[in-house]
Amino acid sequence: MSLRTLLLTIFALATGPVLADEQLELGKKVFLEQAQPSCTVCHTLNDAGSAGEIGPNLDQLKPSAEQVSNAVKSGVGIMPAFGDSLSEQQISAVAKYIESVTRK
């Protein structure tokens, strides 16, 4: 293993949880504030303190990050598409956040 590879591996291991935590924080912020309309209007998600009754209860549905990402990008049923109003980073963060908090 080269020194460069070793250093990159150590850096990834050292910063992994921090980056994951930051991504989950961003995901929660997207869920609560950045998506317009806010996800809380329609969805129940205990971790976010939301009790929407229009869309599915995410705590019960326990969607995968891929399912959330697809739904957020393209919309589902009456849920609007957010693919043009949220960045890929925001969509990925909210998807991972929802998957993480519903599968504890």
PDB file of N, CA and C in Angstrom:
ATOM      1  N   MET A   1       0.858  -1.166   0.000  1.00  0.00           N
ATOM      2  CA  MET A   1       0.000   0.000   0.000  1.00  0.00           C
ATOM      3  C   MET A   1       0.909   1.234   0.000  1.00  0.00           C
ATOM      4  N   SER A   2       0.610   2.175  -0.879  1.00  0.00           N
ATOM      5  CA  SER A   2       1.415   3.392  -0.943  1.00  0.00           C
ATOM      6  C   SER A   2       1.089   4.310   0.232  1.00  0.00           C
ATOM      7  N   LEU A   3       1.990   5.218   0.506  1.00  0.00           N
ATOM      8  CA  LEU A   3       1.783   6.180   1.586  1.00  0.00           C
ATOM      9  C   LEU A   3       0.551   7.030   1.305  1.00  0.00           C
ATOM     10  N   ARG A   4       0.373   7.423   0.061  1.00  0.00           N
ATOM     11  CA  ARG A   4      -0.796   8.245  -0.316  1.00  0.00           C
ATOM     12  C   ARG A   4      -2.093   7.499  -0.027  1.00  0.00           C
ATOM     13  N   THR A   5      -2.161   6.236  -0.420  1.00  0.00           N
ATOM     14  CA  THR A   5      -3.357   5.421  -0.184  1.00  0.00           C
ATOM     15  C   THR A   5      -3.618   5.259   1.309  1.00  0.00           C
ATOM     16  N   LEU A   6      -2.546   5.024   2.050  1.00  0.00           N
ATOM     17  CA  LEU A   6      -2.679   4.877   3.491  1.00  0.00           C
ATOM     18  C   LEU A   6      -3.211   6.156   4.127  1.00  0.00           C
ATOM     19  N   LEU A   7      -2.674   7.298   3.726  1.00  0.00           N
ATOM     20  CA  LEU A   7      -3.126   8.576   4.275  1.00  0.00           C
ATOM     21  C   LEU A   7      -4.585   8.866   3.898  1.00  0.00           C
ATOM     22  N   LEU A   8      -4.947   8.565   2.677  1.00  0.00           N
ATOM     23  CA  LEU A   8      -6.346   8.768   2.253  1.00  0.00           C
ATOM     24  C   LEU A   8      -7.289   7.867   3.041  1.00  0.00           C
ATOM     25  N   THR A   9      -6.868   6.643   3.299  1.00  0.00           N
ATOM     26  CA  THR A   9      -7.680   5.711   4.078  1.00  0.00           C
ATOM     27  C   THR A   9      -7.854   6.205   5.509  1.00  0.00           C
ATOM     28  N   ILE A  10      -6.765   6.656   6.109  1.00  0.00           N
ATOM     29  CA  ILE A  10      -6.827   7.187   7.474  1.00  0.00           C
ATOM     30  C   ILE A  10      -7.729   8.406   7.524  1.00  0.00           C
ATOM     31  N   PHE A  11      -7.609   9.306   6.538  1.00  0.00           N
ATOM     32  CA  PHE A  11      -8.453  10.497   6.494  1.00  0.00           C
ATOM     33  C   PHE A  11      -9.922  10.111   6.370  1.00  0.00           C
ATOM     34  N   ALA A  12     -10.219   9.164   5.504  1.00  0.00           N
ATOM     35  CA  ALA A  12     -11.608   8.737   5.313  1.00  0.00           C
ATOM     36  C   ALA A  12     -12.178   8.136   6.592  1.00  0.00           C
ATOM     37  N   LEU A  13     -11.380   7.326   7.272  1.00  0.00           N
ATOM     38  CA  LEU A  13     -11.847   6.731   8.525  1.00  0.00           C
ATOM     39  C   LEU A  13     -12.026   7.783   9.611  1.00  0.00           C
ATOM     40  N   ALA A  14     -11.145   8.758   9.639  1.00  0.00           N
ATOM     41  CA  ALA A  14     -11.203   9.794  10.674  1.00  0.00           C
ATOM     42  C   ALA A  14     -12.350  10.764  10.458  1.00  0.00           C
ATOM     43  N   THR A  15     -12.688  11.042   9.212  1.00  0.00           N
ATOM     44  CA  THR A  15     -13.728  12.041   8.940  1.00  0.00           C
ATOM     45  C   THR A  15     -15.068  11.427   8.577  1.00  0.00           C
ATOM     46  N   GLY A  16     -15.115  10.125   8.368  1.00  0.00           N
ATOM     47  CA  GLY A  16     -16.353   9.477   7.943  1.00  0.00           C
ATOM     48  C   GLY A  16     -17.557   9.801   8.809  1.00  0.00           C
ATOM     49  N   PRO A  17     -17.504   9.544  10.127  1.00  0.00           N
ATOM     50  CA  PRO A  17     -18.660   9.834  10.972  1.00  0.00           C
ATOM     51  C   PRO A  17     -19.021  11.318  11.000  1.00  0.00           C
ATOM     52  N   VAL A  18     -18.015  12.189  10.945  1.00  0.00           N
ATOM     53  CA  VAL A  18     -18.291  13.633  10.945  1.00  0.00           C
ATOM     54  C   VAL A  18     -19.047  14.013   9.686  1.00  0.00           C
ATOM     55  N   LEU A  19     -18.548  13.527   8.548  1.00  0.00           N
ATOM     56  CA  LEU A  19     -19.232  13.839   7.291  1.00  0.00           C
ATOM     57  C   LEU A  19     -20.630  13.238   7.276  1.00  0.00           C
ATOM     58  N   ALA A  20     -20.782  12.030   7.796  1.00  0.00           N
ATOM     59  CA  ALA A  20     -22.104  11.404   7.851  1.00  0.00           C
ATOM     60  C   ALA A  20     -23.039  12.216   8.738  1.00  0.00           C
ATOM     61  N   ASP A  21     -22.536  12.665   9.880  1.00  0.00           N
ATOM     62  CA  ASP A  21     -23.356  13.483  10.779  1.00  0.00           C
ATOM     63  C   ASP A  21     -23.762  14.788  10.106  1.00  0.00           C
ATOM     64  N   GLU A  22     -22.837  15.416   9.401  1.00  0.00           N
ATOM     65  CA  GLU A  22     -23.140  16.669   8.702  1.00  0.00           C
ATOM     66  C   GLU A  22     -24.189  16.434   7.619  1.00  0.00           C
ATOM     67  N   GLN A  23     -24.089  15.295   6.930  1.00  0.00           N
ATOM     68  CA  GLN A  23     -25.066  14.986   5.890  1.00  0.00           C
ATOM     69  C   GLN A  23     -26.447  14.768   6.505  1.00  0.00           C
ATOM     70  N   LEU A  24     -26.499  14.083   7.643  1.00  0.00           N
ATOM     71  CA  LEU A  24     -27.790  13.865   8.303  1.00  0.00           C
ATOM     72  C   LEU A  24     -28.372  15.181   8.807  1.00  0.00           C
ATOM     73  N   GLU A  25     -27.530  16.063   9.304  1.00  0.00           N
ATOM     74  CA  GLU A  25     -28.000  17.386   9.739  1.00  0.00           C
ATOM     75  C   GLU A  25     -28.566  18.167   8.558  1.00  0.00           C
ATOM     76  N   LEU A  26     -27.859  18.117   7.422  1.00  0.00           N
ATOM     77  CA  LEU A  26     -28.360  18.788   6.223  1.00  0.00           C
ATOM     78  C   LEU A  26     -29.683  18.162   5.798  1.00  0.00           C
ATOM     79  N   GLY A  27     -29.777  16.841   5.837  1.00  0.00           N
ATOM     80  CA  GLY A  27     -31.014  16.162   5.450  1.00  0.00           C
ATOM     81  C   GLY A  27     -32.191  16.589   6.303  1.00  0.00           C
ATOM     82  N   LYS A  28     -31.964  16.710   7.597  1.00  0.00           N
ATOM     83  CA  LYS A  28     -33.039  17.150   8.494  1.00  0.00           C
ATOM     84  C   LYS A  28     -33.430  18.592   8.172  1.00  0.00           C
ATOM     85  N   LYS A  29     -32.447  19.428   7.861  1.00  0.00           N
ATOM     86  CA  LYS A  29     -32.726  20.822   7.520  1.00  0.00           C
ATOM     87  C   LYS A  29     -33.536  20.906   6.226  1.00  0.00           C
ATOM     88  N   VAL A  30     -33.194  20.064   5.261  1.00  0.00           N
ATOM     89  CA  VAL A  30     -33.969  20.019   4.011  1.00  0.00           C
ATOM     90  C   VAL A  30     -35.405  19.618   4.326  1.00  0.00           C
ATOM     91  N   PHE A  31     -35.582  18.577   5.128  1.00  0.00           N
ATOM     92  CA  PHE A  31     -36.911  18.071   5.481  1.00  0.00           C
ATOM     93  C   PHE A  31     -37.741  19.149   6.181  1.00  0.00           C
ATOM     94  N   LEU A  32     -37.104  19.869   7.111  1.00  0.00           N
ATOM     95  CA  LEU A  32     -37.821  20.858   7.925  1.00  0.00           C
ATOM     96  C   LEU A  32     -37.994  22.214   7.245  1.00  0.00           C
ATOM     97  N   GLU A  33     -36.988  22.662   6.499  1.00  0.00           N
ATOM     98  CA  GLU A  33     -36.975  24.056   6.054  1.00  0.00           C
ATOM     99  C   GLU A  33     -36.727  24.294   4.571  1.00  0.00           C
ATOM    100  N   GLN A  34     -35.792  23.564   3.994  1.00  0.00           N
ATOM    101  CA  GLN A  34     -35.318  23.947   2.668  1.00  0.00           C
ATOM    102  C   GLN A  34     -36.231  23.533   1.525  1.00  0.00           C
ATOM    103  N   ALA A  35     -36.901  22.403   1.645  1.00  0.00           N
ATOM    104  CA  ALA A  35     -37.866  22.013   0.614  1.00  0.00           C
ATOM    105  C   ALA A  35     -39.075  22.928   0.754  1.00  0.00           C
ATOM    106  N   GLN A  36     -39.578  23.403  -0.368  1.00  0.00           N
ATOM    107  CA  GLN A  36     -40.755  24.276  -0.344  1.00  0.00           C
ATOM    108  C   GLN A  36     -41.817  23.729  -1.282  1.00  0.00           C
ATOM    109  N   PRO A  37     -42.942  23.285  -0.795  1.00  0.00           N
ATOM    110  CA  PRO A  37     -43.362  23.319   0.596  1.00  0.00           C
ATOM    111  C   PRO A  37     -42.557  22.319   1.429  1.00  0.00           C
ATOM    112  N   SER A  38     -42.506  22.561   2.716  1.00  0.00           N
ATOM    113  CA  SER A  38     -41.761  21.716   3.643  1.00  0.00           C
ATOM    114  C   SER A  38     -42.333  20.297   3.656  1.00  0.00           C
ATOM    115  N   CYS A  39     -41.466  19.338   3.800  1.00  0.00           N
ATOM    116  CA  CYS A  39     -41.884  17.931   3.879  1.00  0.00           C
ATOM    117  C   CYS A  39     -42.821  17.695   5.068  1.00  0.00           C
ATOM    118  N   THR A  40     -42.668  18.523   6.100  1.00  0.00           N
ATOM    119  CA  THR A  40     -43.462  18.363   7.328  1.00  0.00           C
ATOM    120  C   THR A  40     -44.949  18.616   7.105  1.00  0.00           C
ATOM    121  N   VAL A  41     -45.279  19.347   6.072  1.00  0.00           N
ATOM    122  CA  VAL A  41     -46.677  19.652   5.783  1.00  0.00           C
ATOM    123  C   VAL A  41     -47.455  18.369   5.488  1.00  0.00           C
ATOM    124  N   CYS A  42     -46.798  17.429   4.824  1.00  0.00           N
ATOM    125  CA  CYS A  42     -47.495  16.222   4.378  1.00  0.00           C
ATOM    126  C   CYS A  42     -47.103  14.945   5.113  1.00  0.00           C
ATOM    127  N   HIS A  43     -45.874  14.878   5.613  1.00  0.00           N
ATOM    128  CA  HIS A  43     -45.364  13.618   6.147  1.00  0.00           C
ATOM    129  C   HIS A  43     -45.175  13.617   7.655  1.00  0.00           C
ATOM    130  N   THR A  44     -45.493  12.485   8.261  1.00  0.00           N
ATOM    131  CA  THR A  44     -45.172  12.244   9.662  1.00  0.00           C
ATOM    132  C   THR A  44     -43.777  11.644   9.717  1.00  0.00           C
ATOM    133  N   LEU A  45     -42.940  12.235  10.566  1.00  0.00           N
ATOM    134  CA  LEU A  45     -41.601  11.717  10.817  1.00  0.00           C
ATOM    135  C   LEU A  45     -41.246  12.123  12.239  1.00  0.00           C
ATOM    136  N   ASN A  46     -41.234  11.156  13.140  1.00  0.00           N
ATOM    137  CA  ASN A  46     -41.023  11.442  14.562  1.00  0.00           C
ATOM    138  C   ASN A  46     -39.765  12.238  14.832  1.00  0.00           C
ATOM    139  N   ASP A  47     -38.645  11.870  14.202  1.00  0.00           N
ATOM    140  CA  ASP A  47     -37.376  12.550  14.462  1.00  0.00           C
ATOM    141  C   ASP A  47     -37.457  14.039  14.131  1.00  0.00           C
ATOM    142  N   ALA A  48     -38.273  14.397  13.165  1.00  0.00           N
ATOM    143  CA  ALA A  48     -38.420  15.790  12.759  1.00  0.00           C
ATOM    144  C   ALA A  48     -39.553  16.490  13.502  1.00  0.00           C
ATOM    145  N   GLY A  49     -40.310  15.736  14.296  1.00  0.00           N
ATOM    146  CA  GLY A  49     -41.430  16.320  15.025  1.00  0.00           C
ATOM    147  C   GLY A  49     -42.595  16.697  14.134  1.00  0.00           C
ATOM    148  N   SER A  50     -42.711  16.029  12.993  1.00  0.00           N
ATOM    149  CA  SER A  50     -43.790  16.371  12.064  1.00  0.00           C
ATOM    150  C   SER A  50     -44.914  15.342  12.139  1.00  0.00           C
ATOM    151  N   ALA A  51     -46.130  15.834  11.889  1.00  0.00           N
ATOM    152  CA  ALA A  51     -47.310  14.967  11.969  1.00  0.00           C
ATOM    153  C   ALA A  51     -48.242  15.210  10.790  1.00  0.00           C
ATOM    154  N   GLY A  52     -47.663  15.349   9.594  1.00  0.00           N
ATOM    155  CA  GLY A  52     -48.481  15.535   8.397  1.00  0.00           C
ATOM    156  C   GLY A  52     -49.305  14.301   8.109  1.00  0.00           C
ATOM    157  N   GLU A  53     -50.468  14.503   7.504  1.00  0.00           N
ATOM    158  CA  GLU A  53     -51.363  13.373   7.247  1.00  0.00           C
ATOM    159  C   GLU A  53     -51.753  13.239   5.786  1.00  0.00           C
ATOM    160  N   ILE A  54     -51.130  14.014   4.917  1.00  0.00           N
ATOM    161  CA  ILE A  54     -51.473  13.949   3.496  1.00  0.00           C
ATOM    162  C   ILE A  54     -50.688  12.826   2.816  1.00  0.00           C
ATOM    163  N   GLY A  55     -49.383  12.807   3.053  1.00  0.00           N
ATOM    164  CA  GLY A  55     -48.511  11.792   2.476  1.00  0.00           C
ATOM    165  C   GLY A  55     -48.345  10.639   3.436  1.00  0.00           C
ATOM    166  N   PRO A  56     -47.601   9.624   3.026  1.00  0.00           N
ATOM    167  CA  PRO A  56     -47.414   8.471   3.905  1.00  0.00           C
ATOM    168  C   PRO A  56     -46.627   8.825   5.167  1.00  0.00           C
ATOM    169  N   ASN A  57     -46.895   8.084   6.211  1.00  0.00           N
ATOM    170  CA  ASN A  57     -46.160   8.181   7.463  1.00  0.00           C
ATOM    171  C   ASN A  57     -44.812   7.505   7.215  1.00  0.00           C
ATOM    172  N   LEU A  58     -43.744   8.298   7.206  1.00  0.00           N
ATOM    173  CA  LEU A  58     -42.430   7.765   6.870  1.00  0.00           C
ATOM    174  C   LEU A  58     -41.887   6.819   7.932  1.00  0.00           C
ATOM    175  N   ASP A  59     -42.294   7.013   9.187  1.00  0.00           N
ATOM    176  CA  ASP A  59     -41.869   6.096  10.249  1.00  0.00           C
ATOM    177  C   ASP A  59     -42.427   4.691  10.009  1.00  0.00           C
ATOM    178  N   GLN A  60     -43.621   4.614   9.471  1.00  0.00           N
ATOM    179  CA  GLN A  60     -44.235   3.313   9.191  1.00  0.00           C
ATOM    180  C   GLN A  60     -43.732   2.738   7.866  1.00  0.00           C
ATOM    181  N   LEU A  61     -43.562   3.601   6.873  1.00  0.00           N
ATOM    182  CA  LEU A  61     -43.145   3.155   5.536  1.00  0.00           C
ATOM    183  C   LEU A  61     -41.691   2.667   5.526  1.00  0.00           C
ATOM    184  N   LYS A  62     -40.820   3.322   6.282  1.00  0.00           N
ATOM    185  CA  LYS A  62     -39.397   2.987   6.352  1.00  0.00           C
ATOM    186  C   LYS A  62     -38.773   2.859   4.957  1.00  0.00           C
ATOM    187  N   PRO A  63     -38.835   3.931   4.149  1.00  0.00           N
ATOM    188  CA  PRO A  63     -38.320   3.842   2.785  1.00  0.00           C
ATOM    189  C   PRO A  63     -36.789   3.814   2.748  1.00  0.00           C
ATOM    190  N   SER A  64     -36.263   3.214   1.695  1.00  0.00           N
ATOM    191  CA  SER A  64     -34.812   3.231   1.479  1.00  0.00           C
ATOM    192  C   SER A  64     -34.416   4.619   0.967  1.00  0.00           C
ATOM    193  N   ALA A  65     -33.138   4.918   1.056  1.00  0.00           N
ATOM    194  CA  ALA A  65     -32.640   6.199   0.545  1.00  0.00           C
ATOM    195  C   ALA A  65     -32.931   6.315  -0.949  1.00  0.00           C
ATOM    196  N   GLU A  66     -32.826   5.220  -1.668  1.00  0.00           N
ATOM    197  CA  GLU A  66     -33.103   5.244  -3.108  1.00  0.00           C
ATOM    198  C   GLU A  66     -34.571   5.566  -3.378  1.00  0.00           C
ATOM    199  N   GLN A  67     -35.479   4.987  -2.607  1.00  0.00           N
ATOM    200  CA  GLN A  67     -36.901   5.273  -2.779  1.00  0.00           C
ATOM    201  C   GLN A  67     -37.196   6.753  -2.494  1.00  0.00           C
ATOM    202  N   VAL A  68     -36.614   7.275  -1.424  1.00  0.00           N
ATOM    203  CA  VAL A  68     -36.826   8.682  -1.080  1.00  0.00           C
ATOM    204  C   VAL A  68     -36.268   9.578  -2.177  1.00  0.00           C
ATOM    205  N   SER A  69     -35.059   9.288  -2.602  1.00  0.00           N
ATOM    206  CA  SER A  69     -34.417  10.093  -3.636  1.00  0.00           C
ATOM    207  C   SER A  69     -35.267  10.135  -4.909  1.00  0.00           C
ATOM    208  N   ASN A  70     -35.757   8.989  -5.339  1.00  0.00           N
ATOM    209  CA  ASN A  70     -36.594   8.932  -6.544  1.00  0.00           C
ATOM    210  C   ASN A  70     -37.874   9.732  -6.361  1.00  0.00           C
ATOM    211  N   ALA A  71     -38.512   9.597  -5.210  1.00  0.00           N
ATOM    212  CA  ALA A  71     -39.762  10.317  -4.948  1.00  0.00           C
ATOM    213  C   ALA A  71     -39.519  11.818  -4.895  1.00  0.00           C
ATOM    214  N   VAL A  72     -38.438  12.244  -4.250  1.00  0.00           N
ATOM    215  CA  VAL A  72     -38.149  13.676  -4.127  1.00  0.00           C
ATOM    216  C   VAL A  72     -37.813  14.270  -5.498  1.00  0.00           C
ATOM    217  N   LYS A  73     -37.042  13.566  -6.291  1.00  0.00           N
ATOM    218  CA  LYS A  73     -36.653  14.074  -7.612  1.00  0.00           C
ATOM    219  C   LYS A  73     -37.843  14.188  -8.554  1.00  0.00           C
ATOM    220  N   SER A  74     -38.655  13.143  -8.603  1.00  0.00           N
ATOM    221  CA  SER A  74     -39.698  13.060  -9.629  1.00  0.00           C
ATOM    222  C   SER A  74     -41.112  13.298  -9.143  1.00  0.00           C
ATOM    223  N   GLY A  75     -41.322  13.251  -7.831  1.00  0.00           N
ATOM    224  CA  GLY A  75     -42.674  13.362  -7.301  1.00  0.00           C
ATOM    225  C   GLY A  75     -43.373  12.016  -7.362  1.00  0.00           C
ATOM    226  N   VAL A  76     -44.428  11.869  -6.542  1.00  0.00           N
ATOM    227  CA  VAL A  76     -45.224  10.636  -6.511  1.00  0.00           C
ATOM    228  C   VAL A  76     -46.650  11.046  -6.195  1.00  0.00           C
ATOM    229  N   GLY A  77     -47.609  10.601  -7.002  1.00  0.00           N
ATOM    230  CA  GLY A  77     -49.004  10.965  -6.751  1.00  0.00           C
ATOM    231  C   GLY A  77     -49.154  12.477  -6.694  1.00  0.00           C
ATOM    232  N   ILE A  78     -49.680  12.991  -5.581  1.00  0.00           N
ATOM    233  CA  ILE A  78     -49.855  14.445  -5.464  1.00  0.00           C
ATOM    234  C   ILE A  78     -48.600  15.152  -4.954  1.00  0.00           C
ATOM    235  N   MET A  79     -47.579  14.377  -4.583  1.00  0.00           N
ATOM    236  CA  MET A  79     -46.327  14.983  -4.123  1.00  0.00           C
ATOM    237  C   MET A  79     -45.608  15.609  -5.317  1.00  0.00           C
ATOM    238  N   PRO A  80     -45.249  16.891  -5.190  1.00  0.00           N
ATOM    239  CA  PRO A  80     -44.558  17.543  -6.305  1.00  0.00           C
ATOM    240  C   PRO A  80     -43.118  17.047  -6.434  1.00  0.00           C
ATOM    241  N   ALA A  81     -42.558  17.230  -7.614  1.00  0.00           N
ATOM    242  CA  ALA A  81     -41.148  16.924  -7.864  1.00  0.00           C
ATOM    243  C   ALA A  81     -40.293  18.073  -7.334  1.00  0.00           C
ATOM    244  N   PHE A  82     -39.206  17.732  -6.692  1.00  0.00           N
ATOM    245  CA  PHE A  82     -38.279  18.732  -6.166  1.00  0.00           C
ATOM    246  C   PHE A  82     -36.943  18.696  -6.902  1.00  0.00           C
ATOM    247  N   GLY A  83     -36.871  17.931  -7.986  1.00  0.00           N
ATOM    248  CA  GLY A  83     -35.627  17.777  -8.738  1.00  0.00           C
ATOM    249  C   GLY A  83     -35.064  19.071  -9.286  1.00  0.00           C
ATOM    250  N   ASP A  84     -35.926  20.051  -9.544  1.00  0.00           N
ATOM    251  CA  ASP A  84     -35.460  21.334 -10.073  1.00  0.00           C
ATOM    252  C   ASP A  84     -35.208  22.361  -8.980  1.00  0.00           C
ATOM    253  N   SER A  85     -35.733  22.139  -7.782  1.00  0.00           N
ATOM    254  CA  SER A  85     -35.600  23.147  -6.726  1.00  0.00           C
ATOM    255  C   SER A  85     -34.611  22.760  -5.630  1.00  0.00           C
ATOM    256  N   LEU A  86     -34.231  21.482  -5.555  1.00  0.00           N
ATOM    257  CA  LEU A  86     -33.230  21.035  -4.584  1.00  0.00           C
ATOM    258  C   LEU A  86     -32.019  20.502  -5.332  1.00  0.00           C
ATOM    259  N   SER A  87     -30.844  20.705  -4.764  1.00  0.00           N
ATOM    260  CA  SER A  87     -29.616  20.193  -5.384  1.00  0.00           C
ATOM    261  C   SER A  87     -29.507  18.690  -5.170  1.00  0.00           C
ATOM    262  N   GLU A  88     -28.624  18.053  -5.922  1.00  0.00           N
ATOM    263  CA  GLU A  88     -28.360  16.623  -5.736  1.00  0.00           C
ATOM    264  C   GLU A  88     -27.885  16.362  -4.310  1.00  0.00           C
ATOM    265  N   GLN A  89     -27.067  17.271  -3.773  1.00  0.00           N
ATOM    266  CA  GLN A  89     -26.555  17.123  -2.409  1.00  0.00           C
ATOM    267  C   GLN A  89     -27.711  17.165  -1.406  1.00  0.00           C
ATOM    268  N   GLN A  90     -28.653  18.083  -1.591  1.00  0.00           N
ATOM    269  CA  GLN A  90     -29.800  18.184  -0.690  1.00  0.00           C
ATOM    270  C   GLN A  90     -30.682  16.942  -0.787  1.00  0.00           C
ATOM    271  N   ILE A  91     -30.914  16.475  -2.002  1.00  0.00           N
ATOM    272  CA  ILE A  91     -31.757  15.292  -2.204  1.00  0.00           C
ATOM    273  C   ILE A  91     -31.113  14.060  -1.578  1.00  0.00           C
ATOM    274  N   SER A  92     -29.824  13.892  -1.809  1.00  0.00           N
ATOM    275  CA  SER A  92     -29.108  12.761  -1.214  1.00  0.00           C
ATOM    276  C   SER A  92     -29.137  12.839   0.305  1.00  0.00           C
ATOM    277  N   ALA A  93     -28.951  14.039   0.851  1.00  0.00           N
ATOM    278  CA  ALA A  93     -28.934  14.213   2.309  1.00  0.00           C
ATOM    279  C   ALA A  93     -30.291  13.896   2.920  1.00  0.00           C
ATOM    280  N   VAL A  94     -31.371  14.399   2.327  1.00  0.00           N
ATOM    281  CA  VAL A  94     -32.698  14.135   2.904  1.00  0.00           C
ATOM    282  C   VAL A  94     -33.047  12.652   2.768  1.00  0.00           C
ATOM    283  N   ALA A  95     -32.627  12.032   1.682  1.00  0.00           N
ATOM    284  CA  ALA A  95     -32.901  10.607   1.490  1.00  0.00           C
ATOM    285  C   ALA A  95     -32.181   9.771   2.550  1.00  0.00           C
ATOM    286  N   LYS A  96     -30.917  10.083   2.785  1.00  0.00           N
ATOM    287  CA  LYS A  96     -30.150   9.335   3.784  1.00  0.00           C
ATOM    288  C   LYS A  96     -30.647   9.629   5.195  1.00  0.00           C
ATOM    289  N   TYR A  97     -31.058  10.858   5.443  1.00  0.00           N
ATOM    290  CA  TYR A  97     -31.609  11.216   6.745  1.00  0.00           C
ATOM    291  C   TYR A  97     -32.870  10.400   7.038  1.00  0.00           C
ATOM    292  N   ILE A  98     -33.803  10.381   6.105  1.00  0.00           N
ATOM    293  CA  ILE A  98     -35.062   9.658   6.305  1.00  0.00           C
ATOM    294  C   ILE A  98     -34.798   8.163   6.490  1.00  0.00           C
ATOM    295  N   GLU A  99     -33.941   7.592   5.646  1.00  0.00           N
ATOM    296  CA  GLU A  99     -33.613   6.175   5.798  1.00  0.00           C
ATOM    297  C   GLU A  99     -32.996   5.909   7.164  1.00  0.00           C
ATOM    298  N   SER A 100     -32.096   6.766   7.578  1.00  0.00           N
ATOM    299  CA  SER A 100     -31.394   6.581   8.848  1.00  0.00           C
ATOM    300  C   SER A 100     -32.332   6.631  10.054  1.00  0.00           C
ATOM    301  N   VAL A 101     -33.205   7.624  10.100  1.00  0.00           N
ATOM    302  CA  VAL A 101     -34.049   7.788  11.294  1.00  0.00           C
ATOM    303  C   VAL A 101     -35.245   6.833  11.323  1.00  0.00           C
ATOM    304  N   THR A 102     -35.628   6.297  10.183  1.00  0.00           N
ATOM    305  CA  THR A 102     -36.779   5.378  10.174  1.00  0.00           C
ATOM    306  C   THR A 102     -36.357   3.928  10.322  1.00  0.00           C
ATOM    307  N   ARG A 103     -35.080   3.657  10.221  1.00  0.00           N
ATOM    308  CA  ARG A 103     -34.605   2.257  10.310  1.00  0.00           C
ATOM    309  C   ARG A 103     -33.785   2.013  11.567  1.00  0.00           C
ATOM    310  N   LYS A 104     -33.935   2.886  12.566  1.00  0.00           N
ATOM    311  CA  LYS A 104     -33.206   2.693  13.836  1.00  0.00           C
ATOM    312  C   LYS A 104     -33.726   1.490  14.565  1.00  0.00           C
TER     313      LYS A 104
END
